[in-house]
Amino acid sequence: MSEHNPKGTNSNTPASNSPLADALWAALGTVEDPELRRPITELGMVERAQAVSEDDGGYVADVKILLTIEGCP
């Protein structure tokens, strides 16, 4: 499992030179909040982003996104 946590609060966070974590983080950087028109990574909305290995040797992204404001649907 490869995980990237920009806040550094998780002790399982790999070195920033993990290619898989860097690729996942770069992909998340292209996702914009539709109302604020800024990347969710810049807004601090990504709580967790990790690549989980699967039985077939591939990976699936497991991402937890935070809401921008309380009560946001």
N, C-alpha and C. Protein backbone atom coordinates (compact mmCIF):
# COMPACT_ATOMS: atom_id res chain seq x y z
N MET A 1 0.85 -1.17 0.00
CA MET A 1 0.00 0.00 0.00
C MET A 1 0.89 1.23 0.00
N SER A 2 0.55 2.19 -0.82
CA SER A 2 1.29 3.44 -0.87
C SER A 2 0.32 4.55 -0.52
N GLU A 3 0.71 5.40 0.42
CA GLU A 3 -0.18 6.44 0.90
C GLU A 3 0.52 7.78 0.88
N HIS A 4 -0.26 8.83 0.63
CA HIS A 4 0.30 10.17 0.63
C HIS A 4 -0.62 11.03 1.48
N ASN A 5 -0.07 11.65 2.48
CA ASN A 5 -0.83 12.51 3.37
C ASN A 5 -0.07 13.82 3.48
N PRO A 6 -0.57 14.89 2.84
CA PRO A 6 0.18 16.14 2.81
C PRO A 6 0.36 16.77 4.19
N LYS A 7 -0.52 16.47 5.13
CA LYS A 7 -0.41 17.07 6.45
C LYS A 7 0.63 16.35 7.30
N GLY A 8 1.07 15.16 6.87
CA GLY A 8 2.09 14.43 7.58
C GLY A 8 1.63 13.89 8.92
N THR A 9 0.33 13.68 9.10
CA THR A 9 -0.17 13.21 10.38
C THR A 9 -0.18 11.70 10.47
N ASN A 10 0.05 11.00 9.39
CA ASN A 10 0.02 9.55 9.39
C ASN A 10 1.44 9.01 9.34
N SER A 11 1.77 8.16 10.30
CA SER A 11 3.14 7.65 10.35
C SER A 11 3.43 6.68 9.21
N ASN A 12 2.40 6.22 8.48
CA ASN A 12 2.60 5.31 7.36
C ASN A 12 2.87 6.04 6.05
N THR A 13 2.98 7.35 6.10
CA THR A 13 3.23 8.12 4.90
C THR A 13 4.62 7.81 4.36
N PRO A 14 4.71 7.40 3.06
CA PRO A 14 6.02 7.08 2.50
C PRO A 14 6.81 8.33 2.18
N ALA A 15 8.06 8.14 1.86
CA ALA A 15 8.88 9.26 1.41
C ALA A 15 8.22 9.89 0.19
N SER A 16 8.39 11.17 0.03
CA SER A 16 7.73 11.88 -1.06
C SER A 16 8.19 11.43 -2.44
N ASN A 17 9.23 10.60 -2.50
CA ASN A 17 9.71 10.14 -3.79
C ASN A 17 9.04 8.83 -4.23
N SER A 18 7.96 8.42 -3.57
CA SER A 18 7.22 7.23 -3.98
C SER A 18 6.50 7.55 -5.29
N PRO A 19 6.88 6.91 -6.39
CA PRO A 19 6.27 7.23 -7.68
C PRO A 19 4.76 7.02 -7.71
N LEU A 20 4.28 5.98 -7.06
CA LEU A 20 2.85 5.70 -7.07
C LEU A 20 2.08 6.77 -6.29
N ALA A 21 2.58 7.13 -5.11
CA ALA A 21 1.93 8.16 -4.31
C ALA A 21 1.99 9.51 -5.03
N ASP A 22 3.12 9.82 -5.65
CA ASP A 22 3.25 11.08 -6.39
C ASP A 22 2.29 11.14 -7.57
N ALA A 23 2.12 10.01 -8.28
CA ALA A 23 1.21 9.98 -9.43
C ALA A 23 -0.24 10.16 -8.97
N LEU A 24 -0.60 9.53 -7.87
CA LEU A 24 -1.96 9.68 -7.34
C LEU A 24 -2.20 11.11 -6.91
N TRP A 25 -1.24 11.68 -6.21
CA TRP A 25 -1.38 13.08 -5.75
C TRP A 25 -1.46 14.05 -6.95
N ALA A 26 -0.67 13.79 -7.99
CA ALA A 26 -0.72 14.63 -9.19
C ALA A 26 -2.08 14.54 -9.86
N ALA A 27 -2.64 13.34 -9.92
CA ALA A 27 -3.96 13.17 -10.53
C ALA A 27 -5.02 13.91 -9.71
N LEU A 28 -4.93 13.85 -8.39
CA LEU A 28 -5.88 14.57 -7.55
C LEU A 28 -5.74 16.08 -7.71
N GLY A 29 -4.54 16.52 -8.04
CA GLY A 29 -4.31 17.95 -8.26
C GLY A 29 -5.03 18.51 -9.47
N THR A 30 -5.54 17.64 -10.32
CA THR A 30 -6.28 18.09 -11.51
C THR A 30 -7.79 18.17 -11.25
N VAL A 31 -8.21 17.72 -10.05
CA VAL A 31 -9.63 17.74 -9.69
C VAL A 31 -9.94 19.08 -9.03
N GLU A 32 -10.87 19.83 -9.62
CA GLU A 32 -11.22 21.13 -9.08
C GLU A 32 -12.55 21.10 -8.35
N ASP A 33 -12.63 21.87 -7.27
CA ASP A 33 -13.90 22.08 -6.60
C ASP A 33 -14.77 22.88 -7.58
N PRO A 34 -15.99 22.42 -7.88
CA PRO A 34 -16.80 23.07 -8.90
C PRO A 34 -17.24 24.50 -8.55
N GLU A 35 -17.32 24.80 -7.27
CA GLU A 35 -17.75 26.15 -6.88
C GLU A 35 -16.58 27.10 -6.70
N LEU A 36 -15.50 26.61 -6.14
CA LEU A 36 -14.35 27.46 -5.86
C LEU A 36 -13.35 27.52 -7.01
N ARG A 37 -13.47 26.57 -7.95
CA ARG A 37 -12.61 26.51 -9.14
C ARG A 37 -11.12 26.46 -8.81
N ARG A 38 -10.80 25.72 -7.75
CA ARG A 38 -9.41 25.50 -7.34
C ARG A 38 -9.22 24.02 -7.11
N PRO A 39 -8.01 23.52 -7.29
CA PRO A 39 -7.75 22.09 -7.06
C PRO A 39 -8.05 21.69 -5.61
N ILE A 40 -8.63 20.51 -5.43
CA ILE A 40 -8.97 20.04 -4.09
C ILE A 40 -7.73 19.85 -3.24
N THR A 41 -6.60 19.61 -3.87
CA THR A 41 -5.36 19.45 -3.11
C THR A 41 -4.91 20.79 -2.51
N GLU A 42 -5.12 21.88 -3.21
CA GLU A 42 -4.76 23.20 -2.70
C GLU A 42 -5.70 23.66 -1.60
N LEU A 43 -6.93 23.15 -1.63
CA LEU A 43 -7.94 23.54 -0.64
C LEU A 43 -7.85 22.70 0.63
N GLY A 44 -6.96 21.73 0.67
CA GLY A 44 -6.81 20.88 1.84
C GLY A 44 -7.96 19.91 2.02
N MET A 45 -8.62 19.56 0.93
CA MET A 45 -9.79 18.69 1.00
C MET A 45 -9.43 17.20 0.97
N VAL A 46 -8.20 16.86 0.67
CA VAL A 46 -7.81 15.45 0.61
C VAL A 46 -7.28 15.03 1.98
N GLU A 47 -8.06 14.21 2.69
CA GLU A 47 -7.61 13.72 4.00
C GLU A 47 -6.71 12.52 3.85
N ARG A 48 -7.02 11.66 2.88
CA ARG A 48 -6.23 10.45 2.67
C ARG A 48 -6.25 10.10 1.20
N ALA A 49 -5.11 9.68 0.70
CA ALA A 49 -5.00 9.19 -0.68
C ALA A 49 -4.00 8.05 -0.67
N GLN A 50 -4.48 6.85 -1.00
CA GLN A 50 -3.59 5.71 -0.98
C GLN A 50 -3.90 4.77 -2.14
N ALA A 51 -2.88 4.10 -2.59
CA ALA A 51 -3.03 3.09 -3.63
C ALA A 51 -2.99 1.73 -2.94
N VAL A 52 -4.07 0.98 -3.08
CA VAL A 52 -4.20 -0.32 -2.43
C VAL A 52 -3.95 -1.41 -3.46
N SER A 53 -3.03 -2.32 -3.15
CA SER A 53 -2.71 -3.39 -4.10
C SER A 53 -3.84 -4.41 -4.12
N GLU A 54 -4.10 -4.94 -5.32
CA GLU A 54 -5.13 -5.95 -5.51
C GLU A 54 -4.49 -7.29 -5.82
N ASP A 55 -5.28 -8.35 -5.74
CA ASP A 55 -4.79 -9.71 -5.97
C ASP A 55 -4.19 -9.90 -7.36
N ASP A 56 -4.68 -9.15 -8.34
CA ASP A 56 -4.20 -9.32 -9.71
C ASP A 56 -2.91 -8.55 -9.99
N GLY A 57 -2.35 -7.92 -8.96
CA GLY A 57 -1.11 -7.18 -9.12
C GLY A 57 -1.32 -5.70 -9.43
N GLY A 58 -2.56 -5.30 -9.67
CA GLY A 58 -2.87 -3.90 -9.94
C GLY A 58 -3.12 -3.14 -8.64
N TYR A 59 -3.51 -1.91 -8.79
CA TYR A 59 -3.80 -1.05 -7.64
C TYR A 59 -5.12 -0.34 -7.86
N VAL A 60 -5.76 0.01 -6.76
CA VAL A 60 -6.97 0.82 -6.80
C VAL A 60 -6.75 2.00 -5.85
N ALA A 61 -7.24 3.16 -6.23
CA ALA A 61 -7.06 4.35 -5.40
C ALA A 61 -8.15 4.41 -4.33
N ASP A 62 -7.74 4.66 -3.11
CA ASP A 62 -8.64 4.85 -1.98
C ASP A 62 -8.42 6.27 -1.49
N VAL A 63 -9.41 7.13 -1.71
CA VAL A 63 -9.26 8.56 -1.42
C VAL A 63 -10.39 9.02 -0.51
N LYS A 64 -10.06 9.75 0.53
CA LYS A 64 -11.07 10.34 1.40
C LYS A 64 -11.02 11.85 1.22
N ILE A 65 -12.14 12.41 0.80
CA ILE A 65 -12.24 13.84 0.53
C ILE A 65 -13.07 14.50 1.65
N LEU A 66 -12.62 15.63 2.12
CA LEU A 66 -13.34 16.40 3.13
C LEU A 66 -14.26 17.41 2.44
N LEU A 67 -15.31 17.79 3.14
CA LEU A 67 -16.23 18.80 2.62
C LEU A 67 -15.60 20.19 2.77
N THR A 68 -15.98 21.10 1.87
CA THR A 68 -15.44 22.46 1.93
C THR A 68 -16.10 23.27 3.04
N ILE A 69 -17.40 23.04 3.27
CA ILE A 69 -18.12 23.75 4.32
C ILE A 69 -19.06 22.79 5.04
N GLU A 70 -19.34 23.07 6.28
CA GLU A 70 -20.25 22.24 7.05
C GLU A 70 -21.65 22.29 6.42
N GLY A 71 -22.27 21.15 6.28
CA GLY A 71 -23.60 21.07 5.71
C GLY A 71 -23.61 20.94 4.20
N CYS A 72 -22.44 20.90 3.57
CA CYS A 72 -22.35 20.74 2.12
C CYS A 72 -22.80 19.32 1.78
N PRO A 73 -23.71 19.17 0.82
CA PRO A 73 -24.19 17.83 0.49
C PRO A 73 -23.15 16.93 -0.13
